[in-house]
Amino acid sequence: MYSFHLIVIALCLIALLSCNTNTIKYLVIAHAHNDYEQKHPITTALNHGFTSLEVDIVFDGTHLIVSHDGENLDTKGHFEIAYLVPLLDRLDAKRTPIILLVDIKNYSDQMLAQLNAILKKYESYLVKREETANRSKKIQIVLSGDIPREQVIKAKANEFLFIDGRMEDLAFDYSQQYMPMISMDFTEISNWEGVQKPSKETIRTIQKTINRVHQKGKKIRFWKTTETELLWRTLIESKVDFIGVDNIENFYATFQ
C-alpha cells in the first residue's frame, strides 16, 4: 500500500511538472506591457499563457533599437536579433498566433521602410492583412504609438502591419483587416484605481466605452490601468478584450 501511494504521488508530480503553461486560457487577451523590460523577456509572458506582447522601438538612423527612448541606444539590443528572432524561436505551429504590439517611439518613413525590410525576411511566420484567419502563422504585428495611421493603412508595402487605433479613429470606419483594435488611456475616462469598489457611474463609463468600440467590430485595450484584482475583474466583467500587465506572475496567480 505504501509503495502504491508513492507511485501515485510520483505520477502526480510528473503530471504537474510536465504541464505546459502555454495552454493557459484567460477570459481576456493577457497583454505583457513593455515585455522587453521583464527580467526574462518573452519567456515569462509565454510561460504564463500571455498571447500579446509589447515592445518599444527607436530608430537611430540605421537600426531599430529596443528602447522606450533615445538614451544609450548603443547599449541596447536590435529589434530583429534581440526580440523578434527569439520570439519566433519560442513559438510552435500549434499555438494561436501571438500579437506583437510594436510601439513606435520616433516615427519616420525611413524607420517604417527598415521595419518592413526586416519583417519581409520572416514573412512565412507573419500574418498578412489579407489572411487574418490564417492560424498557421505565428505572429500578428500590430503597430502602435504616434504614427500616421491613415498613411500606414493605405500603403500596400505595409502588408504585415496592422494598426492599433485610437478612439477618434472609430469615425473613419477602418476595416478590421487593417485596424483590429483600439487602445486608450484609462485615466481619460476614470480616475478609479481599483482599490475601492467602483461607483455605478464608473462602471457605466467603462461599459459605454467598451461597447462603442465593439459596435465597430474592434477589440479594446486600456493603458495606465493599475494592477489590482478588483480592477482586472471589473474590466473582464465589462467585456474588455485586452488587459495590460506588468506583474505577470501576479496576474497568473490571480486567475489560476
C-alpha atoms as a PDB file:
ATOM      1  CA  MET A   1       0.000   0.000   0.000  1.00  0.00           C
ATOM      2  CA  TYR A   2       2.835   2.355   0.936  1.00  0.00           C
ATOM      3  CA  SER A   3       4.625   1.835  -2.373  1.00  0.00           C
ATOM      4  CA  PHE A   4       1.340   2.330  -4.241  1.00  0.00           C
ATOM      5  CA  HIS A   5       0.910   5.739  -2.608  1.00  0.00           C
ATOM      6  CA  LEU A   6       4.449   6.691  -3.586  1.00  0.00           C
ATOM      7  CA  ILE A   7       3.720   5.747  -7.193  1.00  0.00           C
ATOM      8  CA  VAL A   8       0.565   7.868  -7.209  1.00  0.00           C
ATOM      9  CA  ILE A   9       2.429  10.852  -5.751  1.00  0.00           C
ATOM     10  CA  ALA A  10       5.231  10.439  -8.272  1.00  0.00           C
ATOM     11  CA  LEU A  11       2.776  10.334 -11.173  1.00  0.00           C
ATOM     12  CA  CYS A  12       1.050  13.459  -9.896  1.00  0.00           C
ATOM     13  CA  LEU A  13       4.368  15.291  -9.656  1.00  0.00           C
ATOM     14  CA  ILE A  14       5.326  14.245 -13.175  1.00  0.00           C
ATOM     15  CA  ALA A  15       1.984  15.482 -14.499  1.00  0.00           C
ATOM     16  CA  LEU A  16       2.412  18.779 -12.677  1.00  0.00           C
ATOM     17  CA  LEU A  17       5.956  19.348 -13.890  1.00  0.00           C
ATOM     18  CA  SER A  18       5.087  18.423 -17.448  1.00  0.00           C
ATOM     19  CA  CYS A  19       2.144  20.814 -17.554  1.00  0.00           C
ATOM     20  CA  ASN A  20       2.585  23.224 -20.450  1.00  0.00           C
ATOM     21  CA  THR A  21       1.653  26.698 -19.293  1.00  0.00           C
ATOM     22  CA  ASN A  22       1.272  27.689 -22.927  1.00  0.00           C
ATOM     23  CA  THR A  23      -2.181  26.069 -22.757  1.00  0.00           C
ATOM     24  CA  ILE A  24      -3.393  28.503 -20.079  1.00  0.00           C
ATOM     25  CA  LYS A  25      -6.643  30.156 -21.097  1.00  0.00           C
ATOM     26  CA  TYR A  26      -7.672  33.530 -19.713  1.00  0.00           C
ATOM     27  CA  LEU A  27     -11.033  35.219 -20.189  1.00  0.00           C
ATOM     28  CA  VAL A  28      -9.222  38.100 -21.911  1.00  0.00           C
ATOM     29  CA  ILE A  29      -6.137  38.562 -24.054  1.00  0.00           C
ATOM     30  CA  ALA A  30      -3.361  38.834 -21.482  1.00  0.00           C
ATOM     31  CA  HIS A  31      -1.003  41.540 -22.744  1.00  0.00           C
ATOM     32  CA  ALA A  32       2.570  41.817 -21.452  1.00  0.00           C
ATOM     33  CA  HIS A  33       3.086  45.561 -21.247  1.00  0.00           C
ATOM     34  CA  ASN A  34       6.668  46.544 -22.190  1.00  0.00           C
ATOM     35  CA  ASP A  35       7.598  42.887 -22.173  1.00  0.00           C
ATOM     36  CA  TYR A  36      11.232  43.666 -23.050  1.00  0.00           C
ATOM     37  CA  GLU A  37      11.654  45.178 -19.573  1.00  0.00           C
ATOM     38  CA  GLN A  38      10.858  41.884 -17.846  1.00  0.00           C
ATOM     39  CA  LYS A  39      13.713  40.075 -16.117  1.00  0.00           C
ATOM     40  CA  HIS A  40      13.135  37.289 -18.646  1.00  0.00           C
ATOM     41  CA  PRO A  41      11.534  38.880 -21.728  1.00  0.00           C
ATOM     42  CA  ILE A  42       9.323  36.664 -23.896  1.00  0.00           C
ATOM     43  CA  THR A  43       9.867  33.583 -21.721  1.00  0.00           C
ATOM     44  CA  THR A  44       7.959  34.812 -18.664  1.00  0.00           C
ATOM     45  CA  ALA A  45       4.990  36.004 -20.717  1.00  0.00           C
ATOM     46  CA  LEU A  46       4.686  32.880 -22.841  1.00  0.00           C
ATOM     47  CA  ASN A  47       5.203  30.527 -19.904  1.00  0.00           C
ATOM     48  CA  HIS A  48       2.299  32.223 -18.147  1.00  0.00           C
ATOM     49  CA  GLY A  49      -0.084  31.963 -21.067  1.00  0.00           C
ATOM     50  CA  PHE A  50       0.132  35.523 -22.371  1.00  0.00           C
ATOM     51  CA  THR A  51      -0.813  35.865 -26.029  1.00  0.00           C
ATOM     52  CA  SER A  52       0.050  39.527 -26.582  1.00  0.00           C
ATOM     53  CA  LEU A  53       3.462  41.096 -26.010  1.00  0.00           C
ATOM     54  CA  GLU A  54       4.621  44.696 -26.319  1.00  0.00           C
ATOM     55  CA  VAL A  55       7.977  46.018 -27.427  1.00  0.00           C
ATOM     56  CA  ASP A  56       9.063  49.644 -27.872  1.00  0.00           C
ATOM     57  CA  ILE A  57      11.415  50.525 -30.700  1.00  0.00           C
ATOM     58  CA  VAL A  58      13.514  53.569 -31.568  1.00  0.00           C
ATOM     59  CA  PHE A  59      15.204  54.196 -34.926  1.00  0.00           C
ATOM     60  CA  ASP A  60      18.756  55.508 -34.628  1.00  0.00           C
ATOM     61  CA  GLY A  61      19.073  56.249 -38.324  1.00  0.00           C
ATOM     62  CA  THR A  62      20.467  52.813 -39.111  1.00  0.00           C
ATOM     63  CA  HIS A  63      18.978  50.233 -36.758  1.00  0.00           C
ATOM     64  CA  LEU A  64      15.716  49.586 -34.940  1.00  0.00           C
ATOM     65  CA  ILE A  65      16.604  49.507 -31.251  1.00  0.00           C
ATOM     66  CA  VAL A  66      14.511  48.029 -28.448  1.00  0.00           C
ATOM     67  CA  SER A  67      14.065  51.054 -26.216  1.00  0.00           C
ATOM     68  CA  HIS A  68      11.487  53.387 -24.683  1.00  0.00           C
ATOM     69  CA  ASP A  69      13.544  56.479 -25.534  1.00  0.00           C
ATOM     70  CA  GLY A  70      16.631  57.671 -27.379  1.00  0.00           C
ATOM     71  CA  GLU A  71      19.079  57.342 -24.487  1.00  0.00           C
ATOM     72  CA  ASN A  72      22.100  54.992 -24.528  1.00  0.00           C
ATOM     73  CA  LEU A  73      20.958  53.271 -27.704  1.00  0.00           C
ATOM     74  CA  ASP A  74      24.426  51.818 -28.300  1.00  0.00           C
ATOM     75  CA  THR A  75      23.989  49.660 -25.189  1.00  0.00           C
ATOM     76  CA  LYS A  76      20.599  48.227 -26.209  1.00  0.00           C
ATOM     77  CA  GLY A  77      19.604  45.350 -28.453  1.00  0.00           C
ATOM     78  CA  HIS A  78      18.406  45.471 -32.041  1.00  0.00           C
ATOM     79  CA  PHE A  79      14.732  44.659 -32.557  1.00  0.00           C
ATOM     80  CA  GLU A  80      15.371  41.838 -35.014  1.00  0.00           C
ATOM     81  CA  ILE A  81      18.104  39.995 -33.142  1.00  0.00           C
ATOM     82  CA  ALA A  82      17.232  40.823 -29.550  1.00  0.00           C
ATOM     83  CA  TYR A  83      13.474  40.385 -29.765  1.00  0.00           C
ATOM     84  CA  LEU A  84      11.856  39.184 -32.996  1.00  0.00           C
ATOM     85  CA  VAL A  85      14.067  36.146 -33.643  1.00  0.00           C
ATOM     86  CA  PRO A  86      13.986  34.904 -30.015  1.00  0.00           C
ATOM     87  CA  LEU A  87      10.197  35.250 -30.040  1.00  0.00           C
ATOM     88  CA  LEU A  88       9.889  33.232 -33.242  1.00  0.00           C
ATOM     89  CA  ASP A  89      12.176  30.582 -31.776  1.00  0.00           C
ATOM     90  CA  ARG A  90       9.821  30.153 -28.825  1.00  0.00           C
ATOM     91  CA  LEU A  91       6.655  29.674 -30.849  1.00  0.00           C
ATOM     92  CA  ASP A  92       5.360  26.455 -32.352  1.00  0.00           C
ATOM     93  CA  ALA A  93       2.828  25.600 -35.019  1.00  0.00           C
ATOM     94  CA  LYS A  94       0.162  24.527 -32.517  1.00  0.00           C
ATOM     95  CA  ARG A  95      -0.027  27.900 -30.792  1.00  0.00           C
ATOM     96  CA  THR A  96      -2.597  30.556 -31.626  1.00  0.00           C
ATOM     97  CA  PRO A  97      -0.732  33.429 -33.316  1.00  0.00           C
ATOM     98  CA  ILE A  98       0.843  35.825 -30.846  1.00  0.00           C
ATOM     99  CA  ILE A  99       0.055  39.528 -31.099  1.00  0.00           C
ATOM    100  CA  LEU A 100       3.246  41.586 -31.064  1.00  0.00           C
ATOM    101  CA  LEU A 101       2.418  45.205 -30.331  1.00  0.00           C
ATOM    102  CA  VAL A 102       5.287  47.294 -31.711  1.00  0.00           C
ATOM    103  CA  ASP A 103       5.196  50.746 -30.123  1.00  0.00           C
ATOM    104  CA  ILE A 104       6.989  53.246 -32.361  1.00  0.00           C
ATOM    105  CA  LYS A 105       8.759  55.957 -30.360  1.00  0.00           C
ATOM    106  CA  ASN A 106      10.126  58.090 -33.213  1.00  0.00           C
ATOM    107  CA  TYR A 107       8.251  57.527 -36.453  1.00  0.00           C
ATOM    108  CA  SER A 108       9.743  58.308 -39.858  1.00  0.00           C
ATOM    109  CA  ASP A 109       9.258  56.921 -43.356  1.00  0.00           C
ATOM    110  CA  GLN A 110      12.826  55.612 -43.219  1.00  0.00           C
ATOM    111  CA  MET A 111      12.092  53.811 -39.971  1.00  0.00           C
ATOM    112  CA  LEU A 112       8.996  52.194 -41.450  1.00  0.00           C
ATOM    113  CA  ALA A 113      10.917  51.061 -44.523  1.00  0.00           C
ATOM    114  CA  GLN A 114      13.536  49.480 -42.258  1.00  0.00           C
ATOM    115  CA  LEU A 115      10.848  47.679 -40.274  1.00  0.00           C
ATOM    116  CA  ASN A 116       9.212  46.355 -43.442  1.00  0.00           C
ATOM    117  CA  ALA A 117      12.576  45.119 -44.729  1.00  0.00           C
ATOM    118  CA  ILE A 118      13.129  43.154 -41.523  1.00  0.00           C
ATOM    119  CA  LEU A 119       9.639  41.681 -41.474  1.00  0.00           C
ATOM    120  CA  LYS A 120       9.855  40.633 -45.111  1.00  0.00           C
ATOM    121  CA  LYS A 121      12.615  38.184 -44.183  1.00  0.00           C
ATOM    122  CA  TYR A 122      10.207  36.364 -41.871  1.00  0.00           C
ATOM    123  CA  GLU A 123       7.048  36.587 -43.974  1.00  0.00           C
ATOM    124  CA  SER A 124       6.311  32.872 -43.731  1.00  0.00           C
ATOM    125  CA  TYR A 125       5.806  33.357 -39.976  1.00  0.00           C
ATOM    126  CA  LEU A 126       3.822  36.596 -40.039  1.00  0.00           C
ATOM    127  CA  VAL A 127       0.102  37.179 -40.527  1.00  0.00           C
ATOM    128  CA  LYS A 128      -0.642  39.348 -43.553  1.00  0.00           C
ATOM    129  CA  ARG A 129      -3.503  41.806 -43.787  1.00  0.00           C
ATOM    130  CA  GLU A 130      -5.365  39.704 -46.336  1.00  0.00           C
ATOM    131  CA  GLU A 131      -5.062  36.497 -44.314  1.00  0.00           C
ATOM    132  CA  THR A 132      -6.103  37.341 -40.763  1.00  0.00           C
ATOM    133  CA  ALA A 133      -7.830  33.975 -40.434  1.00  0.00           C
ATOM    134  CA  ASN A 134      -4.640  32.033 -41.235  1.00  0.00           C
ATOM    135  CA  ARG A 135      -3.855  30.357 -37.930  1.00  0.00           C
ATOM    136  CA  SER A 136      -0.751  28.634 -39.286  1.00  0.00           C
ATOM    137  CA  LYS A 137       1.187  31.887 -38.931  1.00  0.00           C
ATOM    138  CA  LYS A 138       2.972  32.645 -35.666  1.00  0.00           C
ATOM    139  CA  ILE A 139       2.813  36.401 -35.137  1.00  0.00           C
ATOM    140  CA  GLN A 140       0.475  39.266 -35.922  1.00  0.00           C
ATOM    141  CA  ILE A 141       2.373  42.565 -35.868  1.00  0.00           C
ATOM    142  CA  VAL A 142       0.280  45.486 -34.613  1.00  0.00           C
ATOM    143  CA  LEU A 143       1.823  48.940 -34.911  1.00  0.00           C
ATOM    144  CA  SER A 144       1.192  51.417 -32.111  1.00  0.00           C
ATOM    145  CA  GLY A 145       2.479  54.796 -30.970  1.00  0.00           C
ATOM    146  CA  ASP A 146       2.422  58.239 -32.561  1.00  0.00           C
ATOM    147  CA  ILE A 147       2.140  57.174 -36.189  1.00  0.00           C
ATOM    148  CA  PRO A 148       0.265  58.461 -39.283  1.00  0.00           C
ATOM    149  CA  ARG A 149      -2.359  55.741 -39.175  1.00  0.00           C
ATOM    150  CA  GLU A 150      -4.180  56.526 -42.406  1.00  0.00           C
ATOM    151  CA  GLN A 151      -0.898  56.735 -44.317  1.00  0.00           C
ATOM    152  CA  VAL A 152       0.304  53.415 -42.919  1.00  0.00           C
ATOM    153  CA  ILE A 153      -3.004  51.745 -43.726  1.00  0.00           C
ATOM    154  CA  LYS A 154      -3.100  52.950 -47.326  1.00  0.00           C
ATOM    155  CA  ALA A 155       0.445  51.896 -48.217  1.00  0.00           C
ATOM    156  CA  LYS A 156       0.385  48.403 -49.754  1.00  0.00           C
ATOM    157  CA  ALA A 157       4.024  47.896 -48.763  1.00  0.00           C
ATOM    158  CA  ASN A 158       2.890  47.576 -45.140  1.00  0.00           C
ATOM    159  CA  GLU A 159       1.409  44.145 -45.744  1.00  0.00           C
ATOM    160  CA  PHE A 160       2.448  42.787 -42.315  1.00  0.00           C
ATOM    161  CA  LEU A 161       1.439  45.856 -40.319  1.00  0.00           C
ATOM    162  CA  PHE A 162      -1.905  46.032 -38.541  1.00  0.00           C
ATOM    163  CA  ILE A 163      -2.806  49.204 -36.680  1.00  0.00           C
ATOM    164  CA  ASP A 164      -3.592  49.882 -33.040  1.00  0.00           C
ATOM    165  CA  GLY A 165      -6.114  52.698 -33.381  1.00  0.00           C
ATOM    166  CA  ARG A 166      -7.355  55.426 -31.062  1.00  0.00           C
ATOM    167  CA  MET A 167     -10.926  56.323 -30.153  1.00  0.00           C
ATOM    168  CA  GLU A 168     -11.014  59.126 -32.725  1.00  0.00           C
ATOM    169  CA  ASP A 169     -10.198  56.583 -35.439  1.00  0.00           C
ATOM    170  CA  LEU A 170     -13.603  54.956 -34.972  1.00  0.00           C
ATOM    171  CA  ALA A 171     -15.086  57.808 -37.010  1.00  0.00           C
ATOM    172  CA  PHE A 172     -13.225  56.608 -40.114  1.00  0.00           C
ATOM    173  CA  ASP A 173     -14.621  53.059 -40.066  1.00  0.00           C
ATOM    174  CA  TYR A 174     -11.293  51.429 -40.906  1.00  0.00           C
ATOM    175  CA  SER A 175     -11.709  47.751 -41.669  1.00  0.00           C
ATOM    176  CA  GLN A 176     -10.706  45.222 -39.024  1.00  0.00           C
ATOM    177  CA  GLN A 177      -8.400  43.906 -41.732  1.00  0.00           C
ATOM    178  CA  TYR A 178      -6.248  46.977 -41.097  1.00  0.00           C
ATOM    179  CA  MET A 179      -7.205  48.175 -37.618  1.00  0.00           C
ATOM    180  CA  PRO A 180      -8.283  45.249 -35.428  1.00  0.00           C
ATOM    181  CA  MET A 181      -8.015  47.061 -32.096  1.00  0.00           C
ATOM    182  CA  ILE A 182      -8.383  50.388 -30.320  1.00  0.00           C
ATOM    183  CA  SER A 183      -6.302  51.486 -27.337  1.00  0.00           C
ATOM    184  CA  MET A 184      -6.848  54.379 -24.973  1.00  0.00           C
ATOM    185  CA  ASP A 185      -5.521  55.898 -21.765  1.00  0.00           C
ATOM    186  CA  PHE A 186      -7.796  54.650 -18.988  1.00  0.00           C
ATOM    187  CA  THR A 187      -7.279  57.835 -16.976  1.00  0.00           C
ATOM    188  CA  GLU A 188      -9.077  59.761 -19.727  1.00  0.00           C
ATOM    189  CA  ILE A 189     -12.358  58.173 -18.675  1.00  0.00           C
ATOM    190  CA  SER A 190     -11.813  57.456 -14.976  1.00  0.00           C
ATOM    191  CA  ASN A 191      -9.527  58.181 -12.020  1.00  0.00           C
ATOM    192  CA  TRP A 192     -10.608  54.926 -10.346  1.00  0.00           C
ATOM    193  CA  GLU A 193      -7.529  52.971  -9.241  1.00  0.00           C
ATOM    194  CA  GLY A 194      -9.151  49.645  -8.488  1.00  0.00           C
ATOM    195  CA  VAL A 195      -8.741  49.793  -4.714  1.00  0.00           C
ATOM    196  CA  GLN A 196     -12.257  50.672  -3.594  1.00  0.00           C
ATOM    197  CA  LYS A 197     -15.427  49.344  -5.196  1.00  0.00           C
ATOM    198  CA  PRO A 198     -16.144  51.369  -8.350  1.00  0.00           C
ATOM    199  CA  SER A 199     -19.131  53.680  -8.460  1.00  0.00           C
ATOM    200  CA  LYS A 200     -22.048  52.908 -10.724  1.00  0.00           C
ATOM    201  CA  GLU A 201     -21.066  55.890 -12.851  1.00  0.00           C
ATOM    202  CA  THR A 202     -17.549  54.460 -13.287  1.00  0.00           C
ATOM    203  CA  ILE A 203     -18.971  51.127 -14.369  1.00  0.00           C
ATOM    204  CA  ARG A 204     -21.317  52.829 -16.836  1.00  0.00           C
ATOM    205  CA  THR A 205     -18.467  54.881 -18.314  1.00  0.00           C
ATOM    206  CA  ILE A 206     -16.227  51.851 -18.731  1.00  0.00           C
ATOM    207  CA  GLN A 207     -19.028  49.819 -20.271  1.00  0.00           C
ATOM    208  CA  LYS A 208     -20.072  52.617 -22.619  1.00  0.00           C
ATOM    209  CA  THR A 209     -16.502  52.984 -23.880  1.00  0.00           C
ATOM    210  CA  ILE A 210     -16.064  49.257 -24.448  1.00  0.00           C
ATOM    211  CA  ASN A 211     -19.448  48.959 -26.163  1.00  0.00           C
ATOM    212  CA  ARG A 212     -18.630  51.823 -28.507  1.00  0.00           C
ATOM    213  CA  VAL A 213     -15.505  50.010 -29.730  1.00  0.00           C
ATOM    214  CA  HIS A 214     -17.243  46.645 -30.004  1.00  0.00           C
ATOM    215  CA  GLN A 215     -20.035  48.157 -32.074  1.00  0.00           C
ATOM    216  CA  LYS A 216     -17.370  48.978 -34.667  1.00  0.00           C
ATOM    217  CA  GLY A 217     -16.213  45.349 -34.678  1.00  0.00           C
ATOM    218  CA  LYS A 218     -12.898  46.022 -32.933  1.00  0.00           C
ATOM    219  CA  LYS A 219     -11.163  44.928 -29.744  1.00  0.00           C
ATOM    220  CA  ILE A 220     -10.222  47.360 -26.990  1.00  0.00           C
ATOM    221  CA  ARG A 221      -7.189  47.776 -24.744  1.00  0.00           C
ATOM    222  CA  PHE A 222      -6.702  50.329 -21.966  1.00  0.00           C
ATOM    223  CA  TRP A 223      -3.318  51.536 -20.798  1.00  0.00           C
ATOM    224  CA  LYS A 224      -2.456  53.227 -17.485  1.00  0.00           C
ATOM    225  CA  THR A 225      -4.588  50.780 -15.533  1.00  0.00           C
ATOM    226  CA  THR A 226      -3.493  49.926 -12.009  1.00  0.00           C
ATOM    227  CA  GLU A 227      -2.807  46.270 -11.281  1.00  0.00           C
ATOM    228  CA  THR A 228      -5.390  45.175  -8.745  1.00  0.00           C
ATOM    229  CA  GLU A 229      -7.580  42.110  -8.794  1.00  0.00           C
ATOM    230  CA  LEU A 230     -10.694  44.263  -8.431  1.00  0.00           C
ATOM    231  CA  LEU A 231      -9.826  46.368 -11.470  1.00  0.00           C
ATOM    232  CA  TRP A 232      -8.913  43.323 -13.536  1.00  0.00           C
ATOM    233  CA  ARG A 233     -12.136  41.515 -12.692  1.00  0.00           C
ATOM    234  CA  THR A 234     -14.223  44.642 -13.295  1.00  0.00           C
ATOM    235  CA  LEU A 235     -12.732  45.071 -16.762  1.00  0.00           C
ATOM    236  CA  ILE A 236     -13.290  41.401 -17.549  1.00  0.00           C
ATOM    237  CA  GLU A 237     -16.924  41.610 -16.432  1.00  0.00           C
ATOM    238  CA  SER A 238     -17.278  44.659 -18.673  1.00  0.00           C
ATOM    239  CA  LYS A 239     -16.044  42.545 -21.641  1.00  0.00           C
ATOM    240  CA  VAL A 240     -12.725  44.306 -22.238  1.00  0.00           C
ATOM    241  CA  ASP A 241     -10.598  42.393 -24.769  1.00  0.00           C
ATOM    242  CA  PHE A 242      -7.048  43.058 -23.545  1.00  0.00           C
ATOM    243  CA  ILE A 243      -5.638  43.593 -20.087  1.00  0.00           C
ATOM    244  CA  GLY A 244      -2.151  45.103 -19.965  1.00  0.00           C
ATOM    245  CA  VAL A 245       0.029  43.620 -17.241  1.00  0.00           C
ATOM    246  CA  ASP A 246       3.472  44.360 -15.819  1.00  0.00           C
ATOM    247  CA  ASN A 247       3.367  41.884 -12.929  1.00  0.00           C
ATOM    248  CA  ILE A 248       2.827  38.747 -14.990  1.00  0.00           C
ATOM    249  CA  GLU A 249       3.238  36.284 -12.129  1.00  0.00           C
ATOM    250  CA  ASN A 250       0.661  38.100 -10.020  1.00  0.00           C
ATOM    251  CA  PHE A 251      -1.888  38.124 -12.841  1.00  0.00           C
ATOM    252  CA  TYR A 252      -1.309  34.419 -13.414  1.00  0.00           C
ATOM    253  CA  ALA A 253      -1.713  33.624  -9.703  1.00  0.00           C
ATOM    254  CA  THR A 254      -4.943  35.627  -9.578  1.00  0.00           C
ATOM    255  CA  PHE A 255      -6.689  33.742 -12.363  1.00  0.00           C
ATOM    256  CA  GLN A 256      -5.334  30.200 -11.983  1.00  0.00           C
END
